[in-house]
N, C-alpha and C. Protein backbone atom coordinates (compact mmCIF):
# COMPACT_ATOMS: atom_id res chain seq x y z
N UNK A 1 107.63 75.98 95.15
CA UNK A 1 106.46 75.87 95.99
C UNK A 1 106.81 76.33 97.39
N UNK A 2 105.93 77.08 98.03
CA UNK A 2 106.14 77.61 99.37
C UNK A 2 105.83 76.54 100.40
N UNK A 3 106.73 76.34 101.34
CA UNK A 3 106.53 75.41 102.45
C UNK A 3 106.72 76.18 103.74
N UNK A 4 105.64 76.46 104.50
CA UNK A 4 105.83 77.16 105.77
C UNK A 4 106.58 76.29 106.75
N UNK A 5 107.29 76.94 107.64
CA UNK A 5 108.02 76.20 108.67
C UNK A 5 107.05 75.61 109.67
N UNK A 6 107.32 74.40 110.15
CA UNK A 6 106.50 73.89 111.23
C UNK A 6 106.69 74.77 112.45
N UNK A 7 105.66 74.92 113.29
CA UNK A 7 105.75 75.84 114.43
C UNK A 7 106.93 75.60 115.35
N UNK A 8 107.37 74.37 115.48
CA UNK A 8 108.47 74.07 116.41
C UNK A 8 109.84 74.36 115.82
N UNK A 9 109.93 74.72 114.54
CA UNK A 9 111.22 74.93 113.89
C UNK A 9 111.68 76.37 114.07
N UNK A 10 112.70 76.58 114.86
CA UNK A 10 113.24 77.93 115.05
C UNK A 10 114.39 78.19 114.10
N UNK A 11 115.19 77.19 113.84
CA UNK A 11 116.33 77.34 112.93
C UNK A 11 116.81 75.96 112.51
N UNK A 12 117.64 75.94 111.49
CA UNK A 12 118.21 74.68 111.02
C UNK A 12 119.60 74.52 111.61
N UNK A 13 119.95 73.29 111.89
CA UNK A 13 121.29 72.98 112.36
C UNK A 13 121.99 72.18 111.27
N UNK A 14 123.30 72.41 111.09
CA UNK A 14 124.02 71.64 110.07
C UNK A 14 124.01 70.15 110.39
N UNK A 15 123.86 69.35 109.34
CA UNK A 15 123.95 67.91 109.49
C UNK A 15 125.34 67.47 109.07
N UNK A 16 125.73 66.28 109.45
CA UNK A 16 127.05 65.79 109.02
C UNK A 16 127.13 65.74 107.50
N UNK A 17 128.33 65.85 106.99
CA UNK A 17 128.57 65.80 105.56
C UNK A 17 127.94 64.55 104.96
N UNK A 18 127.28 64.72 103.82
CA UNK A 18 126.64 63.61 103.14
C UNK A 18 125.27 63.26 103.68
N UNK A 19 124.76 64.03 104.62
CA UNK A 19 123.46 63.71 105.22
C UNK A 19 122.30 64.11 104.31
N UNK A 20 122.55 64.89 103.26
CA UNK A 20 121.49 65.24 102.33
C UNK A 20 120.76 66.51 102.71
N UNK A 21 119.58 66.66 102.13
CA UNK A 21 118.79 67.86 102.36
C UNK A 21 117.93 67.72 103.59
N UNK A 22 117.61 68.86 104.17
CA UNK A 22 116.77 68.88 105.36
C UNK A 22 115.30 69.00 105.01
N UNK A 23 114.52 69.52 105.94
CA UNK A 23 113.08 69.67 105.80
C UNK A 23 112.75 70.48 104.55
N UNK A 24 111.78 70.07 103.79
CA UNK A 24 111.29 70.74 102.58
C UNK A 24 112.36 70.87 101.51
N UNK A 25 113.36 69.97 101.53
CA UNK A 25 114.37 69.98 100.48
C UNK A 25 115.38 71.11 100.59
N UNK A 26 115.44 71.77 101.73
CA UNK A 26 116.35 72.89 101.94
C UNK A 26 117.59 72.37 102.65
N UNK A 27 118.77 72.80 102.20
CA UNK A 27 119.97 72.38 102.93
C UNK A 27 119.83 72.76 104.40
N UNK A 28 120.14 71.85 105.31
CA UNK A 28 119.88 72.06 106.74
C UNK A 28 120.68 73.19 107.37
N UNK A 29 121.72 73.70 106.71
CA UNK A 29 122.51 74.77 107.30
C UNK A 29 121.97 76.15 106.94
N UNK A 30 120.94 76.22 106.13
CA UNK A 30 120.38 77.52 105.74
C UNK A 30 119.32 77.94 106.74
N UNK A 31 119.47 79.12 107.29
CA UNK A 31 118.48 79.66 108.21
C UNK A 31 117.42 80.40 107.41
N UNK A 32 116.15 80.07 107.58
CA UNK A 32 115.11 80.73 106.81
C UNK A 32 114.87 82.16 107.31
N UNK A 33 114.22 82.96 106.46
CA UNK A 33 113.83 84.29 106.93
C UNK A 33 112.85 84.09 108.07
N UNK A 34 112.93 84.95 109.06
CA UNK A 34 112.04 84.81 110.20
C UNK A 34 111.83 86.15 110.87
N UNK A 35 110.79 86.22 111.63
CA UNK A 35 110.50 87.39 112.46
C UNK A 35 111.18 87.12 113.80
N UNK A 36 111.89 88.10 114.31
CA UNK A 36 112.61 87.91 115.56
C UNK A 36 111.67 87.93 116.76
N UNK A 37 112.16 87.45 117.87
CA UNK A 37 111.39 87.48 119.12
C UNK A 37 111.07 88.92 119.51
N UNK A 38 112.03 89.84 119.31
CA UNK A 38 111.79 91.25 119.64
C UNK A 38 110.60 91.79 118.85
N UNK A 39 110.57 91.50 117.55
CA UNK A 39 109.48 91.99 116.71
C UNK A 39 108.16 91.35 117.11
N UNK A 40 108.16 90.05 117.33
CA UNK A 40 106.93 89.33 117.71
C UNK A 40 106.39 89.84 119.03
N UNK A 41 107.24 89.94 120.05
CA UNK A 41 106.80 90.43 121.35
C UNK A 41 106.36 91.89 121.27
N UNK A 42 107.07 92.68 120.45
CA UNK A 42 106.67 94.07 120.27
C UNK A 42 105.27 94.19 119.72
N UNK A 43 104.94 93.34 118.76
CA UNK A 43 103.58 93.36 118.20
C UNK A 43 102.54 92.86 119.20
N UNK A 44 102.89 91.82 119.96
CA UNK A 44 101.95 91.29 120.96
C UNK A 44 101.63 92.36 122.00
N UNK A 45 102.66 93.02 122.51
CA UNK A 45 102.48 94.07 123.52
C UNK A 45 101.70 95.25 122.94
N UNK A 46 102.05 95.67 121.73
CA UNK A 46 101.38 96.80 121.09
C UNK A 46 99.92 96.49 120.81
N UNK A 47 99.65 95.26 120.39
CA UNK A 47 98.27 94.87 120.12
C UNK A 47 97.45 94.87 121.40
N UNK A 48 98.04 94.41 122.49
CA UNK A 48 97.35 94.45 123.79
C UNK A 48 96.98 95.89 124.13
N UNK A 49 97.92 96.81 123.96
CA UNK A 49 97.66 98.22 124.25
C UNK A 49 96.61 98.80 123.28
N UNK A 50 96.61 98.36 122.04
CA UNK A 50 95.63 98.83 121.05
C UNK A 50 94.23 98.39 121.44
N UNK A 51 94.10 97.17 121.91
CA UNK A 51 92.78 96.64 122.30
C UNK A 51 92.22 97.36 123.52
N UNK A 52 93.07 97.94 124.33
CA UNK A 52 92.61 98.64 125.53
C UNK A 52 92.77 100.16 125.41
N UNK A 53 92.91 100.64 124.18
CA UNK A 53 93.08 102.09 123.94
C UNK A 53 91.93 102.85 124.60
N UNK A 54 92.30 103.93 125.30
CA UNK A 54 91.31 104.77 125.97
C UNK A 54 90.92 104.29 127.35
N UNK A 55 91.47 103.17 127.80
CA UNK A 55 91.12 102.62 129.12
C UNK A 55 92.15 102.97 130.19
N UNK A 56 93.11 103.81 129.87
CA UNK A 56 94.13 104.20 130.83
C UNK A 56 95.36 103.32 130.74
N UNK A 57 96.40 103.68 131.50
CA UNK A 57 97.67 102.96 131.42
C UNK A 57 97.59 101.57 132.05
N UNK A 58 98.48 100.70 131.61
CA UNK A 58 98.60 99.36 132.16
C UNK A 58 100.06 99.12 132.52
N UNK A 59 100.28 98.49 133.66
CA UNK A 59 101.63 98.21 134.14
C UNK A 59 102.31 97.17 133.26
N UNK A 60 103.62 97.28 133.14
CA UNK A 60 104.40 96.33 132.34
C UNK A 60 104.23 94.91 132.87
N UNK A 61 104.23 94.76 134.17
CA UNK A 61 104.07 93.43 134.77
C UNK A 61 102.73 92.82 134.40
N UNK A 62 101.69 93.63 134.40
CA UNK A 62 100.36 93.14 134.03
C UNK A 62 100.33 92.72 132.56
N UNK A 63 100.95 93.52 131.69
CA UNK A 63 101.04 93.15 130.27
C UNK A 63 101.76 91.81 130.11
N UNK A 64 102.88 91.66 130.81
CA UNK A 64 103.66 90.43 130.73
C UNK A 64 102.83 89.24 131.19
N UNK A 65 102.11 89.39 132.27
CA UNK A 65 101.29 88.30 132.79
C UNK A 65 100.15 87.96 131.84
N UNK A 66 99.45 88.99 131.33
CA UNK A 66 98.33 88.75 130.42
C UNK A 66 98.77 88.03 129.15
N UNK A 67 99.92 88.39 128.64
CA UNK A 67 100.40 87.82 127.38
C UNK A 67 101.34 86.64 127.58
N UNK A 68 101.60 86.29 128.84
CA UNK A 68 102.49 85.17 129.18
C UNK A 68 103.87 85.35 128.51
N UNK A 69 104.41 86.56 128.68
CA UNK A 69 105.73 86.89 128.14
C UNK A 69 106.67 87.19 129.30
N UNK A 70 107.97 87.00 129.10
CA UNK A 70 108.93 87.34 130.17
C UNK A 70 108.87 88.83 130.50
N UNK A 71 108.77 89.14 131.78
CA UNK A 71 108.66 90.52 132.23
C UNK A 71 109.82 91.38 131.73
N UNK A 72 111.04 90.85 131.78
CA UNK A 72 112.21 91.62 131.35
C UNK A 72 112.10 92.02 129.88
N UNK A 73 111.64 91.10 129.04
CA UNK A 73 111.45 91.41 127.62
C UNK A 73 110.42 92.52 127.46
N UNK A 74 109.32 92.39 128.16
CA UNK A 74 108.24 93.38 128.05
C UNK A 74 108.75 94.76 128.45
N UNK A 75 109.50 94.84 129.53
CA UNK A 75 110.07 96.12 129.97
C UNK A 75 110.96 96.73 128.88
N UNK A 76 111.83 95.91 128.31
CA UNK A 76 112.73 96.40 127.25
C UNK A 76 111.96 96.82 126.01
N UNK A 77 110.96 96.06 125.64
CA UNK A 77 110.15 96.40 124.47
C UNK A 77 109.40 97.71 124.70
N UNK A 78 108.82 97.86 125.86
CA UNK A 78 108.11 99.10 126.17
C UNK A 78 109.05 100.30 126.14
N UNK A 79 110.27 100.11 126.61
CA UNK A 79 111.26 101.18 126.54
C UNK A 79 111.54 101.56 125.08
N UNK A 80 111.73 100.55 124.24
CA UNK A 80 111.97 100.81 122.81
C UNK A 80 110.77 101.49 122.15
N UNK A 81 109.58 101.03 122.48
CA UNK A 81 108.36 101.64 121.91
C UNK A 81 108.19 103.08 122.39
N UNK A 82 108.56 103.33 123.65
CA UNK A 82 108.46 104.69 124.18
C UNK A 82 109.47 105.61 123.50
N UNK A 83 110.69 105.13 123.32
CA UNK A 83 111.72 105.93 122.64
C UNK A 83 111.31 106.27 121.21
N UNK A 84 110.56 105.38 120.57
CA UNK A 84 110.10 105.60 119.20
C UNK A 84 108.84 106.46 119.14
N UNK A 85 108.32 106.84 120.31
CA UNK A 85 107.12 107.67 120.35
C UNK A 85 105.82 106.93 120.10
N UNK A 86 105.85 105.60 120.24
CA UNK A 86 104.64 104.81 120.01
C UNK A 86 103.83 104.60 121.27
N UNK A 87 104.48 104.61 122.43
CA UNK A 87 103.77 104.51 123.70
C UNK A 87 104.23 105.64 124.62
N UNK A 88 103.38 105.97 125.53
CA UNK A 88 103.70 106.94 126.59
C UNK A 88 103.66 106.19 127.91
N UNK A 89 104.41 106.70 128.88
CA UNK A 89 104.39 106.10 130.20
C UNK A 89 103.85 107.11 131.20
N UNK A 90 103.18 106.57 132.21
CA UNK A 90 102.61 107.38 133.28
C UNK A 90 103.19 106.85 134.58
N UNK A 91 103.75 107.74 135.38
CA UNK A 91 104.34 107.33 136.66
C UNK A 91 103.27 107.28 137.74
N UNK A 92 103.60 106.57 138.80
CA UNK A 92 102.72 106.55 139.96
C UNK A 92 102.06 105.21 140.18
N UNK A 93 101.26 105.16 141.27
CA UNK A 93 100.61 103.92 141.67
C UNK A 93 99.66 103.39 140.59
N UNK A 94 99.01 104.28 139.87
CA UNK A 94 98.09 103.85 138.80
C UNK A 94 98.71 104.09 137.44
N UNK A 95 100.04 104.10 137.42
CA UNK A 95 100.77 104.37 136.18
C UNK A 95 100.92 103.13 135.32
N UNK A 96 101.62 103.33 134.24
CA UNK A 96 101.85 102.23 133.31
C UNK A 96 102.07 102.79 131.92
N UNK A 97 101.65 102.04 130.92
CA UNK A 97 101.88 102.40 129.53
C UNK A 97 100.56 102.42 128.76
N UNK A 98 100.52 103.30 127.76
CA UNK A 98 99.39 103.34 126.83
C UNK A 98 99.92 103.84 125.49
N UNK A 99 99.17 103.58 124.43
CA UNK A 99 99.60 104.03 123.11
C UNK A 99 99.67 105.55 123.08
N UNK A 100 100.66 106.07 122.39
CA UNK A 100 100.83 107.52 122.26
C UNK A 100 99.94 108.09 121.16
N UNK A 101 99.47 107.22 120.26
CA UNK A 101 98.58 107.62 119.17
C UNK A 101 97.44 106.62 119.07
N UNK A 102 96.47 106.95 118.26
CA UNK A 102 95.36 106.02 118.02
C UNK A 102 95.90 104.76 117.33
N UNK A 103 95.30 103.60 117.57
CA UNK A 103 95.78 102.36 116.96
C UNK A 103 95.84 102.40 115.42
N UNK A 104 94.94 103.12 114.79
CA UNK A 104 94.95 103.20 113.32
C UNK A 104 96.12 104.05 112.80
N UNK A 105 96.76 104.82 113.67
CA UNK A 105 97.87 105.67 113.27
C UNK A 105 99.23 105.02 113.51
N UNK A 106 99.23 103.78 114.00
CA UNK A 106 100.49 103.06 114.25
C UNK A 106 100.50 101.81 113.38
N UNK A 107 101.51 101.70 112.53
CA UNK A 107 101.59 100.56 111.62
C UNK A 107 102.43 99.43 112.23
N UNK A 108 102.25 98.25 111.65
CA UNK A 108 103.07 97.10 112.04
C UNK A 108 104.54 97.43 111.78
N UNK A 109 104.81 98.13 110.69
CA UNK A 109 106.19 98.54 110.39
C UNK A 109 106.75 99.42 111.50
N UNK A 110 105.95 100.37 111.99
CA UNK A 110 106.39 101.24 113.09
C UNK A 110 106.82 100.41 114.29
N UNK A 111 105.99 99.44 114.65
CA UNK A 111 106.26 98.61 115.84
C UNK A 111 107.51 97.76 115.64
N UNK A 112 107.63 97.13 114.47
CA UNK A 112 108.79 96.27 114.23
C UNK A 112 110.07 97.10 114.20
N UNK A 113 110.03 98.26 113.56
CA UNK A 113 111.23 99.10 113.54
C UNK A 113 111.60 99.58 114.94
N UNK A 114 110.61 99.89 115.76
CA UNK A 114 110.89 100.32 117.13
C UNK A 114 111.44 99.15 117.96
N UNK A 115 110.90 97.96 117.76
CA UNK A 115 111.29 96.79 118.55
C UNK A 115 112.61 96.21 118.10
N UNK A 116 112.80 96.16 116.78
CA UNK A 116 113.94 95.44 116.22
C UNK A 116 114.92 96.35 115.49
N UNK A 117 114.53 97.57 115.18
CA UNK A 117 115.31 98.57 114.46
C UNK A 117 115.25 98.42 112.95
N UNK A 118 114.95 97.24 112.43
CA UNK A 118 114.78 97.04 110.99
C UNK A 118 113.64 96.05 110.77
N UNK A 119 113.01 96.13 109.59
CA UNK A 119 111.98 95.15 109.26
C UNK A 119 112.55 94.03 108.42
N UNK A 120 113.59 94.32 107.66
CA UNK A 120 114.20 93.34 106.77
C UNK A 120 115.69 93.63 106.74
N UNK A 121 116.47 92.62 107.01
CA UNK A 121 117.92 92.79 107.05
C UNK A 121 118.52 92.38 105.71
N UNK A 122 119.18 93.31 105.06
CA UNK A 122 119.85 93.02 103.79
C UNK A 122 121.29 92.64 104.10
N UNK A 123 121.64 91.40 103.80
CA UNK A 123 122.99 90.91 104.12
C UNK A 123 124.08 91.72 103.46
N UNK A 124 123.80 92.27 102.27
CA UNK A 124 124.81 93.08 101.57
C UNK A 124 125.31 94.21 102.48
N UNK A 125 124.42 94.74 103.29
CA UNK A 125 124.75 95.86 104.16
C UNK A 125 125.42 95.41 105.46
N UNK A 126 124.89 94.37 106.08
CA UNK A 126 125.33 93.99 107.41
C UNK A 126 126.37 92.89 107.46
N UNK A 127 126.32 91.97 106.51
CA UNK A 127 127.24 90.83 106.51
C UNK A 127 127.71 90.57 105.08
N UNK A 128 128.49 91.48 104.50
CA UNK A 128 128.92 91.30 103.11
C UNK A 128 129.72 90.03 102.91
N UNK A 129 129.43 89.36 101.81
CA UNK A 129 130.15 88.14 101.46
C UNK A 129 131.61 88.46 101.17
N UNK A 130 131.81 89.56 100.44
CA UNK A 130 133.14 89.97 100.02
C UNK A 130 133.15 91.50 99.95
N UNK A 131 134.12 92.17 100.55
CA UNK A 131 134.13 93.64 100.55
C UNK A 131 134.06 94.26 99.15
N UNK A 132 134.75 93.67 98.18
CA UNK A 132 134.72 94.23 96.83
C UNK A 132 133.37 93.96 96.16
N UNK A 133 132.90 92.74 96.22
CA UNK A 133 131.65 92.37 95.58
C UNK A 133 130.46 93.12 96.18
N UNK A 134 130.49 93.34 97.48
CA UNK A 134 129.33 93.89 98.18
C UNK A 134 129.43 95.40 98.44
N UNK A 135 130.45 96.05 97.93
CA UNK A 135 130.56 97.49 98.14
C UNK A 135 129.48 98.21 97.33
N UNK A 136 129.01 99.35 97.80
CA UNK A 136 127.98 100.10 97.06
C UNK A 136 128.42 100.48 95.65
N UNK A 137 129.73 100.60 95.42
CA UNK A 137 130.23 100.98 94.10
C UNK A 137 130.21 99.80 93.12
N UNK A 138 130.23 98.57 93.62
CA UNK A 138 130.29 97.39 92.77
C UNK A 138 128.92 97.12 92.15
N UNK A 139 128.94 96.63 90.95
CA UNK A 139 127.71 96.23 90.27
C UNK A 139 127.34 94.83 90.73
N UNK A 140 126.11 94.68 91.21
CA UNK A 140 125.64 93.39 91.71
C UNK A 140 124.22 93.17 91.24
N UNK A 141 123.97 92.10 90.53
CA UNK A 141 122.62 91.85 90.02
C UNK A 141 121.72 91.23 91.08
N UNK A 142 122.26 90.83 92.21
CA UNK A 142 121.46 90.24 93.28
C UNK A 142 120.91 91.33 94.21
N UNK A 143 121.70 92.36 94.47
CA UNK A 143 121.30 93.41 95.41
C UNK A 143 119.93 94.01 95.10
N UNK A 144 119.58 94.28 93.83
CA UNK A 144 118.25 94.83 93.56
C UNK A 144 117.11 93.91 93.98
N UNK A 145 117.33 92.60 93.94
CA UNK A 145 116.29 91.66 94.40
C UNK A 145 116.02 91.88 95.88
N UNK A 146 117.10 91.98 96.67
CA UNK A 146 116.93 92.19 98.12
C UNK A 146 116.30 93.55 98.40
N UNK A 147 116.69 94.56 97.64
CA UNK A 147 116.11 95.90 97.85
C UNK A 147 114.61 95.91 97.51
N UNK A 148 114.24 95.23 96.40
CA UNK A 148 112.83 95.18 96.03
C UNK A 148 112.02 94.38 97.06
N UNK A 149 112.59 93.29 97.56
CA UNK A 149 111.92 92.50 98.59
C UNK A 149 111.76 93.33 99.86
N UNK A 150 112.80 94.03 100.24
CA UNK A 150 112.74 94.91 101.41
C UNK A 150 111.63 95.94 101.24
N UNK A 151 111.52 96.55 100.06
CA UNK A 151 110.51 97.56 99.81
C UNK A 151 109.10 96.97 99.89
N UNK A 152 108.91 95.79 99.32
CA UNK A 152 107.58 95.17 99.37
C UNK A 152 107.18 94.81 100.79
N UNK A 153 108.13 94.27 101.54
CA UNK A 153 107.85 93.95 102.94
C UNK A 153 107.50 95.22 103.70
N UNK A 154 108.28 96.26 103.53
CA UNK A 154 108.01 97.52 104.23
C UNK A 154 106.67 98.12 103.82
N UNK A 155 106.34 98.06 102.53
CA UNK A 155 105.05 98.59 102.07
C UNK A 155 103.88 97.82 102.70
N UNK A 156 103.99 96.50 102.73
CA UNK A 156 102.92 95.68 103.33
C UNK A 156 102.77 96.00 104.81
N UNK A 157 103.90 96.01 105.54
CA UNK A 157 103.85 96.26 106.98
C UNK A 157 103.38 97.67 107.30
N UNK A 158 103.73 98.64 106.45
CA UNK A 158 103.29 100.03 106.67
C UNK A 158 101.80 100.18 106.41
N UNK A 159 101.23 99.30 105.62
CA UNK A 159 99.81 99.39 105.28
C UNK A 159 98.88 98.68 106.25
N UNK A 160 99.44 98.03 107.26
CA UNK A 160 98.62 97.33 108.26
C UNK A 160 98.81 98.03 109.59
N UNK A 161 97.71 98.49 110.17
CA UNK A 161 97.78 99.23 111.44
C UNK A 161 97.47 98.30 112.61
N UNK A 162 97.75 98.80 113.81
CA UNK A 162 97.37 98.05 115.01
C UNK A 162 95.86 97.87 115.06
N UNK A 163 95.11 98.87 114.58
CA UNK A 163 93.65 98.74 114.54
C UNK A 163 93.25 97.58 113.63
N UNK A 164 93.96 97.40 112.51
CA UNK A 164 93.67 96.26 111.62
C UNK A 164 93.89 94.94 112.35
N UNK A 165 94.92 94.87 113.19
CA UNK A 165 95.24 93.63 113.90
C UNK A 165 94.19 93.26 114.94
N UNK A 166 93.31 94.18 115.28
CA UNK A 166 92.25 93.85 116.25
C UNK A 166 91.13 93.07 115.59
N UNK A 167 91.14 92.94 114.26
CA UNK A 167 90.13 92.16 113.54
C UNK A 167 90.44 90.67 113.64
N UNK A 168 89.46 89.85 113.30
CA UNK A 168 89.66 88.41 113.25
C UNK A 168 90.63 88.06 112.12
N UNK A 169 91.24 86.91 112.23
CA UNK A 169 92.25 86.48 111.27
C UNK A 169 91.75 86.51 109.82
N UNK A 170 90.56 85.98 109.49
CA UNK A 170 90.11 86.02 108.08
C UNK A 170 90.00 87.45 107.54
N UNK A 171 89.55 88.38 108.38
CA UNK A 171 89.46 89.77 107.95
C UNK A 171 90.84 90.35 107.68
N UNK A 172 91.81 89.98 108.48
CA UNK A 172 93.16 90.49 108.29
C UNK A 172 93.79 89.94 107.02
N UNK A 173 93.50 88.67 106.70
CA UNK A 173 93.97 88.13 105.42
C UNK A 173 93.40 88.95 104.27
N UNK A 174 92.15 89.34 104.38
CA UNK A 174 91.53 90.16 103.35
C UNK A 174 92.22 91.52 103.26
N UNK A 175 92.47 92.15 104.39
CA UNK A 175 93.15 93.46 104.41
C UNK A 175 94.53 93.33 103.79
N UNK A 176 95.30 92.33 104.23
CA UNK A 176 96.65 92.13 103.71
C UNK A 176 96.63 91.76 102.23
N UNK A 177 95.66 90.94 101.83
CA UNK A 177 95.54 90.55 100.43
C UNK A 177 95.25 91.72 99.53
N UNK A 178 94.38 92.60 99.99
CA UNK A 178 94.05 93.79 99.21
C UNK A 178 95.30 94.66 99.09
N UNK A 179 96.04 94.81 100.19
CA UNK A 179 97.25 95.65 100.17
C UNK A 179 98.33 95.04 99.28
N UNK A 180 98.38 93.72 99.22
CA UNK A 180 99.41 93.06 98.42
C UNK A 180 99.02 92.95 96.96
N UNK A 181 97.82 93.43 96.62
CA UNK A 181 97.39 93.39 95.23
C UNK A 181 96.82 92.05 94.83
N UNK A 182 96.44 91.22 95.79
CA UNK A 182 95.85 89.89 95.49
C UNK A 182 94.36 89.96 95.45
């Protein structure tokens, strides 16, 4: 059964030996899958720009203030989005940032990859348990599960555009549900 994390839960901390299971019956030392702050802030900033598409550039400081995000984060995210070709910058007194393409042409996957560099981290690649077991040449029956999960996540995120995110939450559930085959 799926148990969403409570909003205040960022990660689990190990409990002393013999302390038992943590929230939702999960060992407390296991960190759940999560969306990073970079990805979340990248989507928040991109969605703000999508909602104001065609209205001219907006300063990074103004974006940070409107979204109540740290200015330094917003600057770094905008730099990453610009490098990925998702936003353009305009210099000068009335300068700032705007989307480089129409909101319907930019996917959630595009934004997350620009902000975070990956949408789903496969431990086999980045943090192998054992060099022999996790080498590409080794046969592993677990690796295909992670690859299939990665593909499904990427397919879902690629099918949702910034324009889709401008809809109300119930409409977005419908869009995502249709894309997920539900």
